[in-house]
Amino acid sequence: MTDRPHIGFIGAGLMGHGMAKNLVEAGYPLSVLAHRNREPIEDLVSRGASEAKDVAEIAANCDVAYLCLPGSPEVEAAVEAILGANGKVRTIIDSSTSNPVSTRQLAARCEAAGVTFVDAPLSRTPKEAWEGNLDVMVGASDQVFAAVKPILDVVGGKVVRVGEIGAGHTMKLLNNFLSLGYAALYSEALAIGGKNGITPAVFHSVIGGGRMDCGFYQTFMDYVVGGNPNAHKFTLRNAHKDMRYLVSLANESGIASHVSSAVKNEFATAEALGRGDGYLPTLSDIVAGLNGVDGRKP
């Protein structure tokens, strides 16, 4: 027997699969809910998890609901279902990249129902999710943070309380704004260079290893120069969603969003062209193509 809380994990996708794997292997009783892809669920069941048939079953049997979903609409639906079931769940941890405006509203609804809501979004990649080495940004009171940190320490290598409810999702959007802004900058710089005789390989030979190099640059260029299609498994559709949330937050805050709106429009264009399922570095191909440049030229 274990005194660890029973966790219901909703969203075992690219990131969630590894997170759920680490939780069950750390000894937490775990129920998982399938969506479209059966493979992660079957793997987790083979490791000791049980499969729930719906959100109501998770609400009935679990102490903690752990969400790793595409965005706020899905999170809102899951929270409504959990609260509506009036089951055992007393803590909801949302690791999705959600809109802080929605997060604060959900937290208030949960508090009224006697449920604690924590925003704990993630940074890094599915590789770090599998290794239990994610960066986790947490919005919660000091007391709630102390209570959930043992769970978060299983999935994260760096777990930081960044403020009260909503602060985790705010920090996550700022983090993604920086990275997605880099993607837009790299793509446009490569297109300008390509139009003027600077190939991606030459560009990389100068920038790589210099002051403007970073981990994000390396994964981006692993696709552009290295040809690795899985160098950065984050879709353009998700990038567009995150930038919409960021611009919405800026607007609500009364901040002029000149740069963030421009970055958002890069990803809006990519999705409008039917390229939303492509991974982030493929933005370089789209920007090159729109400008008549062969972005894959060595």
C-alpha atoms as a PDB file:
ATOM      1  CA  MET A   1       0.000   0.000   0.000  1.00  0.00           C
ATOM      2  CA  THR A   2       1.069   3.624  -0.493  1.00  0.00           C
ATOM      3  CA  ASP A   3       0.138   6.900   1.159  1.00  0.00           C
ATOM      4  CA  ARG A   4       0.926   8.774  -2.027  1.00  0.00           C
ATOM      5  CA  PRO A   5      -2.043  10.468  -3.693  1.00  0.00           C
ATOM      6  CA  HIS A   6      -3.761   8.688  -6.545  1.00  0.00           C
ATOM      7  CA  ILE A   7      -3.103  10.764  -9.677  1.00  0.00           C
ATOM      8  CA  GLY A   8      -5.393  10.889 -12.685  1.00  0.00           C
ATOM      9  CA  PHE A   9      -3.379  11.928 -15.739  1.00  0.00           C
ATOM     10  CA  ILE A  10      -5.274  13.486 -18.644  1.00  0.00           C
ATOM     11  CA  GLY A  11      -3.252  14.103 -21.787  1.00  0.00           C
ATOM     12  CA  ALA A  12      -0.561  11.470 -22.383  1.00  0.00           C
ATOM     13  CA  GLY A  13       0.758  13.000 -25.604  1.00  0.00           C
ATOM     14  CA  LEU A  14       4.287  13.969 -26.651  1.00  0.00           C
ATOM     15  CA  MET A  15       5.067  15.539 -23.274  1.00  0.00           C
ATOM     16  CA  GLY A  16       2.514  13.809 -21.081  1.00  0.00           C
ATOM     17  CA  HIS A  17       3.608  10.269 -21.924  1.00  0.00           C
ATOM     18  CA  GLY A  18       7.033  10.720 -20.366  1.00  0.00           C
ATOM     19  CA  MET A  19       5.647  12.642 -17.402  1.00  0.00           C
ATOM     20  CA  ALA A  20       3.082   9.941 -16.637  1.00  0.00           C
ATOM     21  CA  LYS A  21       5.731   7.247 -17.072  1.00  0.00           C
ATOM     22  CA  ASN A  22       7.920   8.889 -14.447  1.00  0.00           C
ATOM     23  CA  LEU A  23       5.023   9.280 -12.007  1.00  0.00           C
ATOM     24  CA  VAL A  24       4.008   5.633 -12.147  1.00  0.00           C
ATOM     25  CA  GLU A  25       7.632   4.481 -11.925  1.00  0.00           C
ATOM     26  CA  ALA A  26       8.090   6.711  -8.859  1.00  0.00           C
ATOM     27  CA  GLY A  27       5.354   4.718  -7.126  1.00  0.00           C
ATOM     28  CA  TYR A  28       2.343   6.998  -7.531  1.00  0.00           C
ATOM     29  CA  PRO A  29      -0.952   5.183  -8.149  1.00  0.00           C
ATOM     30  CA  LEU A  30      -1.839   6.407 -11.632  1.00  0.00           C
ATOM     31  CA  SER A  31      -4.949   6.376 -13.791  1.00  0.00           C
ATOM     32  CA  VAL A  32      -4.616   7.539 -17.398  1.00  0.00           C
ATOM     33  CA  LEU A  33      -7.230   8.673 -19.856  1.00  0.00           C
ATOM     34  CA  ALA A  34      -6.908   7.818 -23.546  1.00  0.00           C
ATOM     35  CA  HIS A  35      -7.612  10.297 -26.335  1.00  0.00           C
ATOM     36  CA  ARG A  36      -6.627   9.349 -29.877  1.00  0.00           C
ATOM     37  CA  ASN A  37      -3.268   7.597 -29.643  1.00  0.00           C
ATOM     38  CA  ARG A  38      -3.460   4.227 -27.909  1.00  0.00           C
ATOM     39  CA  GLU A  39       0.289   3.551 -27.861  1.00  0.00           C
ATOM     40  CA  PRO A  40       1.187   5.732 -24.823  1.00  0.00           C
ATOM     41  CA  ILE A  41      -1.768   4.381 -22.851  1.00  0.00           C
ATOM     42  CA  GLU A  42      -0.811   0.773 -23.512  1.00  0.00           C
ATOM     43  CA  ASP A  43       2.788   1.523 -22.533  1.00  0.00           C
ATOM     44  CA  LEU A  44       1.716   3.186 -19.278  1.00  0.00           C
ATOM     45  CA  VAL A  45      -0.637   0.325 -18.391  1.00  0.00           C
ATOM     46  CA  SER A  46       2.245  -2.110 -18.963  1.00  0.00           C
ATOM     47  CA  ARG A  47       4.226  -0.091 -16.381  1.00  0.00           C
ATOM     48  CA  GLY A  48       1.506  -0.328 -13.744  1.00  0.00           C
ATOM     49  CA  ALA A  49      -0.998   2.415 -14.524  1.00  0.00           C
ATOM     50  CA  SER A  50      -4.707   1.769 -14.887  1.00  0.00           C
ATOM     51  CA  GLU A  51      -6.859   3.118 -17.703  1.00  0.00           C
ATOM     52  CA  ALA A  52      -9.857   5.300 -16.891  1.00  0.00           C
ATOM     53  CA  LYS A  53     -12.798   5.276 -19.278  1.00  0.00           C
ATOM     54  CA  ASP A  54     -13.647   8.975 -18.826  1.00  0.00           C
ATOM     55  CA  VAL A  55     -13.018  12.109 -16.761  1.00  0.00           C
ATOM     56  CA  ALA A  56     -15.814  11.152 -14.358  1.00  0.00           C
ATOM     57  CA  GLU A  57     -13.947   7.968 -13.433  1.00  0.00           C
ATOM     58  CA  ILE A  58     -10.803   9.978 -12.723  1.00  0.00           C
ATOM     59  CA  ALA A  59     -12.824  12.404 -10.603  1.00  0.00           C
ATOM     60  CA  ALA A  60     -14.365   9.517  -8.671  1.00  0.00           C
ATOM     61  CA  ASN A  61     -11.144   7.631  -7.915  1.00  0.00           C
ATOM     62  CA  CYS A  62      -8.256  10.105  -7.886  1.00  0.00           C
ATOM     63  CA  ASP A  63      -7.005  12.671  -5.375  1.00  0.00           C
ATOM     64  CA  VAL A  64      -5.105  14.739  -7.949  1.00  0.00           C
ATOM     65  CA  ALA A  65      -5.960  15.446 -11.582  1.00  0.00           C
ATOM     66  CA  TYR A  66      -2.873  16.239 -13.670  1.00  0.00           C
ATOM     67  CA  LEU A  67      -3.650  17.921 -17.006  1.00  0.00           C
ATOM     68  CA  CYS A  68      -1.348  18.093 -20.024  1.00  0.00           C
ATOM     69  CA  LEU A  69      -3.684  19.330 -22.765  1.00  0.00           C
ATOM     70  CA  PRO A  70      -3.427  21.421 -25.963  1.00  0.00           C
ATOM     71  CA  GLY A  71      -4.780  24.667 -24.512  1.00  0.00           C
ATOM     72  CA  SER A  72      -7.362  26.533 -22.451  1.00  0.00           C
ATOM     73  CA  PRO A  73     -10.532  25.230 -24.170  1.00  0.00           C
ATOM     74  CA  GLU A  74      -9.549  21.631 -23.411  1.00  0.00           C
ATOM     75  CA  VAL A  75      -8.481  22.528 -19.863  1.00  0.00           C
ATOM     76  CA  GLU A  76     -11.761  24.359 -19.235  1.00  0.00           C
ATOM     77  CA  ALA A  77     -13.745  21.344 -20.438  1.00  0.00           C
ATOM     78  CA  ALA A  78     -11.754  18.933 -18.253  1.00  0.00           C
ATOM     79  CA  VAL A  79     -12.096  21.129 -15.158  1.00  0.00           C
ATOM     80  CA  GLU A  80     -15.847  21.515 -15.705  1.00  0.00           C
ATOM     81  CA  ALA A  81     -16.180  17.738 -15.987  1.00  0.00           C
ATOM     82  CA  ILE A  82     -14.118  17.173 -12.830  1.00  0.00           C
ATOM     83  CA  LEU A  83     -16.077  19.708 -10.789  1.00  0.00           C
ATOM     84  CA  GLY A  84     -19.353  18.441 -12.198  1.00  0.00           C
ATOM     85  CA  ALA A  85     -18.575  14.892 -11.099  1.00  0.00           C
ATOM     86  CA  ASN A  86     -18.166  16.051  -7.470  1.00  0.00           C
ATOM     87  CA  GLY A  87     -15.735  13.215  -6.784  1.00  0.00           C
ATOM     88  CA  LYS A  88     -12.522  12.761  -4.778  1.00  0.00           C
ATOM     89  CA  VAL A  89     -10.272  15.181  -6.671  1.00  0.00           C
ATOM     90  CA  ARG A  90      -9.112  18.007  -4.428  1.00  0.00           C
ATOM     91  CA  THR A  91      -6.137  19.253  -6.457  1.00  0.00           C
ATOM     92  CA  ILE A  92      -5.881  19.998 -10.174  1.00  0.00           C
ATOM     93  CA  ILE A  93      -2.442  20.612 -11.675  1.00  0.00           C
ATOM     94  CA  ASP A  94      -2.491  22.157 -15.148  1.00  0.00           C
ATOM     95  CA  SER A  95       0.777  21.714 -17.029  1.00  0.00           C
ATOM     96  CA  SER A  96      -0.750  22.831 -20.334  1.00  0.00           C
ATOM     97  CA  THR A  97       0.231  26.118 -21.957  1.00  0.00           C
ATOM     98  CA  SER A  98      -2.944  27.963 -21.066  1.00  0.00           C
ATOM     99  CA  ASN A  99      -4.258  31.518 -21.127  1.00  0.00           C
ATOM    100  CA  PRO A 100      -3.637  33.112 -17.686  1.00  0.00           C
ATOM    101  CA  VAL A 101      -6.966  34.948 -17.947  1.00  0.00           C
ATOM    102  CA  SER A 102      -8.757  31.591 -18.141  1.00  0.00           C
ATOM    103  CA  THR A 103      -6.486  30.120 -15.465  1.00  0.00           C
ATOM    104  CA  ARG A 104      -7.443  32.731 -12.873  1.00  0.00           C
ATOM    105  CA  GLN A 105     -11.140  32.230 -13.627  1.00  0.00           C
ATOM    106  CA  LEU A 106     -10.833  28.447 -13.304  1.00  0.00           C
ATOM    107  CA  ALA A 107      -8.921  28.789 -10.042  1.00  0.00           C
ATOM    108  CA  ALA A 108     -11.745  30.883  -8.581  1.00  0.00           C
ATOM    109  CA  ARG A 109     -14.347  28.305  -9.657  1.00  0.00           C
ATOM    110  CA  CYS A 110     -12.267  25.497  -8.181  1.00  0.00           C
ATOM    111  CA  GLU A 111     -11.770  27.345  -4.898  1.00  0.00           C
ATOM    112  CA  ALA A 112     -15.520  27.797  -4.564  1.00  0.00           C
ATOM    113  CA  ALA A 113     -15.899  24.012  -5.008  1.00  0.00           C
ATOM    114  CA  GLY A 114     -13.215  23.186  -2.438  1.00  0.00           C
ATOM    115  CA  VAL A 115     -10.629  22.210  -5.073  1.00  0.00           C
ATOM    116  CA  THR A 116      -7.133  23.670  -5.357  1.00  0.00           C
ATOM    117  CA  PHE A 117      -6.012  24.671  -8.852  1.00  0.00           C
ATOM    118  CA  VAL A 118      -2.297  24.959  -9.646  1.00  0.00           C
ATOM    119  CA  ASP A 119      -0.777  26.170 -12.915  1.00  0.00           C
ATOM    120  CA  ALA A 120       2.502  24.353 -13.537  1.00  0.00           C
ATOM    121  CA  PRO A 121       3.426  24.647 -17.236  1.00  0.00           C
ATOM    122  CA  LEU A 122       6.578  23.181 -18.703  1.00  0.00           C
ATOM    123  CA  SER A 123       9.619  24.098 -20.706  1.00  0.00           C
ATOM    124  CA  ARG A 124      12.019  21.891 -22.712  1.00  0.00           C
ATOM    125  CA  THR A 125      11.156  18.930 -24.950  1.00  0.00           C
ATOM    126  CA  PRO A 126       9.675  15.392 -24.945  1.00  0.00           C
ATOM    127  CA  LYS A 127      13.225  14.087 -24.423  1.00  0.00           C
ATOM    128  CA  GLU A 128      13.468  15.869 -21.072  1.00  0.00           C
ATOM    129  CA  ALA A 129       9.885  14.825 -20.274  1.00  0.00           C
ATOM    130  CA  TRP A 130      10.938  11.190 -20.635  1.00  0.00           C
ATOM    131  CA  GLU A 131      14.037  11.797 -18.493  1.00  0.00           C
ATOM    132  CA  GLY A 132      12.116  13.661 -15.762  1.00  0.00           C
ATOM    133  CA  ASN A 133      14.185  16.768 -16.394  1.00  0.00           C
ATOM    134  CA  LEU A 134      11.629  19.390 -17.415  1.00  0.00           C
ATOM    135  CA  ASP A 135      11.593  22.997 -16.249  1.00  0.00           C
ATOM    136  CA  VAL A 136       8.367  23.648 -14.328  1.00  0.00           C
ATOM    137  CA  MET A 137       6.997  27.144 -13.637  1.00  0.00           C
ATOM    138  CA  VAL A 138       4.459  27.096 -10.816  1.00  0.00           C
ATOM    139  CA  GLY A 139       1.698  29.529  -9.918  1.00  0.00           C
ATOM    140  CA  ALA A 140       0.529  28.807  -6.373  1.00  0.00           C
ATOM    141  CA  SER A 141       0.697  30.030  -2.800  1.00  0.00           C
ATOM    142  CA  ASP A 142       3.748  28.987  -0.766  1.00  0.00           C
ATOM    143  CA  GLN A 143       1.626  26.462   1.145  1.00  0.00           C
ATOM    144  CA  VAL A 144       0.124  24.873  -1.976  1.00  0.00           C
ATOM    145  CA  PHE A 145       3.510  24.849  -3.704  1.00  0.00           C
ATOM    146  CA  ALA A 146       5.022  22.917  -0.803  1.00  0.00           C
ATOM    147  CA  ALA A 147       2.183  20.395  -1.008  1.00  0.00           C
ATOM    148  CA  VAL A 148       2.485  19.680  -4.747  1.00  0.00           C
ATOM    149  CA  LYS A 149       6.265  19.988  -5.121  1.00  0.00           C
ATOM    150  CA  PRO A 150       6.976  16.277  -4.424  1.00  0.00           C
ATOM    151  CA  ILE A 151       4.812  15.414  -7.453  1.00  0.00           C
ATOM    152  CA  LEU A 152       6.363  18.108  -9.624  1.00  0.00           C
ATOM    153  CA  ASP A 153       9.879  17.035  -8.633  1.00  0.00           C
ATOM    154  CA  VAL A 154       9.204  13.673 -10.308  1.00  0.00           C
ATOM    155  CA  VAL A 155       8.661  15.302 -13.718  1.00  0.00           C
ATOM    156  CA  GLY A 156      10.943  18.318 -13.354  1.00  0.00           C
ATOM    157  CA  GLY A 157      14.658  18.889 -12.983  1.00  0.00           C
ATOM    158  CA  LYS A 158      14.020  22.553 -12.130  1.00  0.00           C
ATOM    159  CA  VAL A 159      10.777  23.405 -10.327  1.00  0.00           C
ATOM    160  CA  VAL A 160      10.322  27.108  -9.577  1.00  0.00           C
ATOM    161  CA  ARG A 161       7.457  28.916  -7.877  1.00  0.00           C
ATOM    162  CA  VAL A 162       7.085  32.092  -9.944  1.00  0.00           C
ATOM    163  CA  GLY A 163       4.128  33.656  -8.133  1.00  0.00           C
ATOM    164  CA  GLU A 164       0.452  33.237  -7.335  1.00  0.00           C
ATOM    165  CA  ILE A 165      -2.204  31.547  -9.509  1.00  0.00           C
ATOM    166  CA  GLY A 166      -1.776  32.504 -13.166  1.00  0.00           C
ATOM    167  CA  ALA A 167       1.890  33.433 -12.791  1.00  0.00           C
ATOM    168  CA  GLY A 168       3.035  30.032 -14.054  1.00  0.00           C
ATOM    169  CA  HIS A 169       1.112  30.360 -17.294  1.00  0.00           C
ATOM    170  CA  THR A 170       2.197  33.989 -17.654  1.00  0.00           C
ATOM    171  CA  MET A 171       5.861  33.006 -17.315  1.00  0.00           C
ATOM    172  CA  LYS A 172       5.360  30.141 -19.759  1.00  0.00           C
ATOM    173  CA  LEU A 173       3.943  32.500 -22.386  1.00  0.00           C
ATOM    174  CA  LEU A 174       6.881  34.867 -21.886  1.00  0.00           C
ATOM    175  CA  ASN A 175       9.272  31.925 -22.265  1.00  0.00           C
ATOM    176  CA  ASN A 176       7.545  30.849 -25.473  1.00  0.00           C
ATOM    177  CA  PHE A 177       7.456  34.406 -26.788  1.00  0.00           C
ATOM    178  CA  LEU A 178      11.245  34.487 -26.593  1.00  0.00           C
ATOM    179  CA  SER A 179      11.723  31.104 -28.258  1.00  0.00           C
ATOM    180  CA  LEU A 180       9.081  31.636 -30.949  1.00  0.00           C
ATOM    181  CA  GLY A 181      10.470  35.101 -31.572  1.00  0.00           C
ATOM    182  CA  TYR A 182      13.844  33.482 -32.205  1.00  0.00           C
ATOM    183  CA  ALA A 183      12.215  31.115 -34.697  1.00  0.00           C
ATOM    184  CA  ALA A 184      10.708  34.056 -36.601  1.00  0.00           C
ATOM    185  CA  LEU A 185      14.008  35.957 -36.534  1.00  0.00           C
ATOM    186  CA  TYR A 186      16.058  32.982 -37.704  1.00  0.00           C
ATOM    187  CA  SER A 187      13.599  32.269 -40.521  1.00  0.00           C
ATOM    188  CA  GLU A 188      13.618  35.826 -41.833  1.00  0.00           C
ATOM    189  CA  ALA A 189      17.387  36.177 -41.476  1.00  0.00           C
ATOM    190  CA  LEU A 190      17.893  32.945 -43.434  1.00  0.00           C
ATOM    191  CA  ALA A 191      15.534  34.152 -46.163  1.00  0.00           C
ATOM    192  CA  ILE A 192      17.320  37.493 -46.480  1.00  0.00           C
ATOM    193  CA  GLY A 193      20.648  35.689 -46.550  1.00  0.00           C
ATOM    194  CA  GLY A 194      19.412  33.180 -49.109  1.00  0.00           C
ATOM    195  CA  LYS A 195      18.270  35.963 -51.406  1.00  0.00           C
ATOM    196  CA  ASN A 196      21.743  37.455 -51.245  1.00  0.00           C
ATOM    197  CA  GLY A 197      23.968  34.425 -51.608  1.00  0.00           C
ATOM    198  CA  ILE A 198      24.348  33.392 -47.960  1.00  0.00           C
ATOM    199  CA  THR A 199      23.396  29.733 -47.645  1.00  0.00           C
ATOM    200  CA  PRO A 200      22.087  28.228 -44.393  1.00  0.00           C
ATOM    201  CA  ALA A 201      25.381  26.367 -43.993  1.00  0.00           C
ATOM    202  CA  VAL A 202      27.372  29.585 -44.258  1.00  0.00           C
ATOM    203  CA  PHE A 203      24.980  31.346 -41.891  1.00  0.00           C
ATOM    204  CA  HIS A 204      25.398  28.525 -39.373  1.00  0.00           C
ATOM    205  CA  SER A 205      29.186  28.530 -39.699  1.00  0.00           C
ATOM    206  CA  VAL A 206      29.209  32.133 -38.481  1.00  0.00           C
ATOM    207  CA  ILE A 207      26.419  32.143 -35.872  1.00  0.00           C
ATOM    208  CA  GLY A 208      27.019  28.652 -34.450  1.00  0.00           C
ATOM    209  CA  GLY A 209      29.377  28.793 -31.471  1.00  0.00           C
ATOM    210  CA  GLY A 210      29.178  32.597 -31.312  1.00  0.00           C
ATOM    211  CA  ARG A 211      27.462  34.955 -28.879  1.00  0.00           C
ATOM    212  CA  MET A 212      24.083  34.505 -30.611  1.00  0.00           C
ATOM    213  CA  ASP A 213      24.184  30.710 -30.307  1.00  0.00           C
ATOM    214  CA  CYS A 214      21.915  28.952 -27.782  1.00  0.00           C
ATOM    215  CA  GLY A 215      20.187  25.625 -27.246  1.00  0.00           C
ATOM    216  CA  PHE A 216      17.120  26.709 -29.186  1.00  0.00           C
ATOM    217  CA  TYR A 217      19.267  27.851 -32.094  1.00  0.00           C
ATOM    218  CA  GLN A 218      20.975  24.461 -32.166  1.00  0.00           C
ATOM    219  CA  THR A 219      17.738  22.466 -32.417  1.00  0.00           C
ATOM    220  CA  PHE A 220      16.360  24.878 -35.017  1.00  0.00           C
ATOM    221  CA  MET A 221      19.477  24.584 -37.177  1.00  0.00           C
ATOM    222  CA  ASP A 222      19.625  20.819 -36.680  1.00  0.00           C
ATOM    223  CA  TYR A 223      16.647  20.813 -39.023  1.00  0.00           C
ATOM    224  CA  VAL A 224      17.693  23.668 -41.327  1.00  0.00           C
ATOM    225  CA  VAL A 225      21.266  22.456 -41.862  1.00  0.00           C
ATOM    226  CA  GLY A 226      21.250  18.962 -40.377  1.00  0.00           C
ATOM    227  CA  GLY A 227      17.985  17.868 -42.005  1.00  0.00           C
ATOM    228  CA  ASN A 228      16.658  16.291 -38.809  1.00  0.00           C
ATOM    229  CA  PRO A 229      12.836  16.378 -39.128  1.00  0.00           C
ATOM    230  CA  ASN A 230      12.388  15.666 -35.409  1.00  0.00           C
ATOM    231  CA  ALA A 231      14.885  18.203 -34.117  1.00  0.00           C
ATOM    232  CA  HIS A 232      12.195  20.239 -32.363  1.00  0.00           C
ATOM    233  CA  LYS A 233       8.852  18.472 -31.884  1.00  0.00           C
ATOM    234  CA  PHE A 234       6.593  21.476 -31.420  1.00  0.00           C
ATOM    235  CA  THR A 235       3.993  22.246 -34.047  1.00  0.00           C
ATOM    236  CA  LEU A 236       3.411  25.553 -35.787  1.00  0.00           C
ATOM    237  CA  ARG A 237      -0.249  25.265 -34.777  1.00  0.00           C
ATOM    238  CA  ASN A 238       0.720  25.192 -31.113  1.00  0.00           C
ATOM    239  CA  ALA A 239       3.105  28.087 -31.672  1.00  0.00           C
ATOM    240  CA  HIS A 240       0.262  30.125 -33.153  1.00  0.00           C
ATOM    241  CA  LYS A 241      -1.994  29.249 -30.204  1.00  0.00           C
ATOM    242  CA  ASP A 242       0.641  30.290 -27.659  1.00  0.00           C
ATOM    243  CA  MET A 243       1.279  33.596 -29.407  1.00  0.00           C
ATOM    244  CA  ARG A 244      -2.463  34.313 -29.542  1.00  0.00           C
ATOM    245  CA  TYR A 245      -2.580  33.835 -25.767  1.00  0.00           C
ATOM    246  CA  LEU A 246       0.455  36.079 -25.303  1.00  0.00           C
ATOM    247  CA  VAL A 247      -0.964  38.886 -27.460  1.00  0.00           C
ATOM    248  CA  SER A 248      -4.306  38.559 -25.655  1.00  0.00           C
ATOM    249  CA  LEU A 249      -2.525  38.911 -22.309  1.00  0.00           C
ATOM    250  CA  ALA A 250      -0.590  41.938 -23.567  1.00  0.00           C
ATOM    251  CA  ASN A 251      -3.813  43.557 -24.758  1.00  0.00           C
ATOM    252  CA  GLU A 252      -5.564  42.891 -21.446  1.00  0.00           C
ATOM    253  CA  SER A 253      -2.563  44.374 -19.643  1.00  0.00           C
ATOM    254  CA  GLY A 254      -2.582  47.521 -21.769  1.00  0.00           C
ATOM    255  CA  ILE A 255       0.825  46.739 -23.282  1.00  0.00           C
ATOM    256  CA  ALA A 256       1.563  47.771 -26.880  1.00  0.00           C
ATOM    257  CA  SER A 257       2.226  44.436 -28.595  1.00  0.00           C
ATOM    258  CA  HIS A 258       4.189  45.476 -31.688  1.00  0.00           C
ATOM    259  CA  VAL A 259       6.739  42.639 -31.611  1.00  0.00           C
ATOM    260  CA  SER A 260       4.516  39.884 -30.188  1.00  0.00           C
ATOM    261  CA  SER A 261       1.800  40.637 -32.767  1.00  0.00           C
ATOM    262  CA  ALA A 262       4.345  40.416 -35.574  1.00  0.00           C
ATOM    263  CA  VAL A 263       5.596  37.060 -34.287  1.00  0.00           C
ATOM    264  CA  LYS A 264       2.022  35.820 -33.878  1.00  0.00           C
ATOM    265  CA  ASN A 265       1.291  36.745 -37.492  1.00  0.00           C
ATOM    266  CA  GLU A 266       4.215  34.614 -38.714  1.00  0.00           C
ATOM    267  CA  PHE A 267       2.550  31.547 -37.219  1.00  0.00           C
ATOM    268  CA  ALA A 268      -0.928  32.636 -38.269  1.00  0.00           C
ATOM    269  CA  THR A 269       0.380  32.721 -41.846  1.00  0.00           C
ATOM    270  CA  ALA A 270       1.922  29.264 -41.499  1.00  0.00           C
ATOM    271  CA  GLU A 271      -1.332  27.784 -40.230  1.00  0.00           C
ATOM    272  CA  ALA A 272      -3.410  29.608 -42.858  1.00  0.00           C
ATOM    273  CA  LEU A 273      -1.206  27.988 -45.512  1.00  0.00           C
ATOM    274  CA  GLY A 274      -2.139  24.555 -44.171  1.00  0.00           C
ATOM    275  CA  ARG A 275       1.246  23.989 -42.538  1.00  0.00           C
ATOM    276  CA  GLY A 276       0.126  23.942 -38.903  1.00  0.00           C
ATOM    277  CA  ASP A 277       1.112  20.309 -38.313  1.00  0.00           C
ATOM    278  CA  GLY A 278       4.724  20.970 -39.285  1.00  0.00           C
ATOM    279  CA  TYR A 279       7.304  21.275 -36.535  1.00  0.00           C
ATOM    280  CA  LEU A 280       8.687  24.652 -35.542  1.00  0.00           C
ATOM    281  CA  PRO A 281      11.887  24.759 -37.661  1.00  0.00           C
ATOM    282  CA  THR A 282       9.830  24.275 -40.826  1.00  0.00           C
ATOM    283  CA  LEU A 283       8.876  27.937 -40.441  1.00  0.00           C
ATOM    284  CA  SER A 284      12.189  28.614 -42.192  1.00  0.00           C
ATOM    285  CA  ASP A 285      10.917  26.760 -45.284  1.00  0.00           C
ATOM    286  CA  ILE A 286       7.644  28.700 -45.267  1.00  0.00           C
ATOM    287  CA  VAL A 287       9.276  32.116 -44.974  1.00  0.00           C
ATOM    288  CA  ALA A 288      11.827  31.178 -47.622  1.00  0.00           C
ATOM    289  CA  GLY A 289       9.120  29.937 -49.991  1.00  0.00           C
ATOM    290  CA  LEU A 290       6.995  33.060 -49.566  1.00  0.00           C
ATOM    291  CA  ASN A 291      10.032  35.092 -50.573  1.00  0.00           C
ATOM    292  CA  GLY A 292      11.079  32.966 -53.532  1.00  0.00           C
ATOM    293  CA  VAL A 293      14.106  31.510 -51.779  1.00  0.00           C
ATOM    294  CA  ASP A 294      15.188  27.870 -51.794  1.00  0.00           C
ATOM    295  CA  GLY A 295      15.533  27.510 -48.031  1.00  0.00           C
ATOM    296  CA  ARG A 296      16.873  23.946 -48.259  1.00  0.00           C
ATOM    297  CA  LYS A 297      19.797  24.896 -50.480  1.00  0.00           C
ATOM    298  CA  PRO A 298      22.985  23.631 -48.774  1.00  0.00           C
END
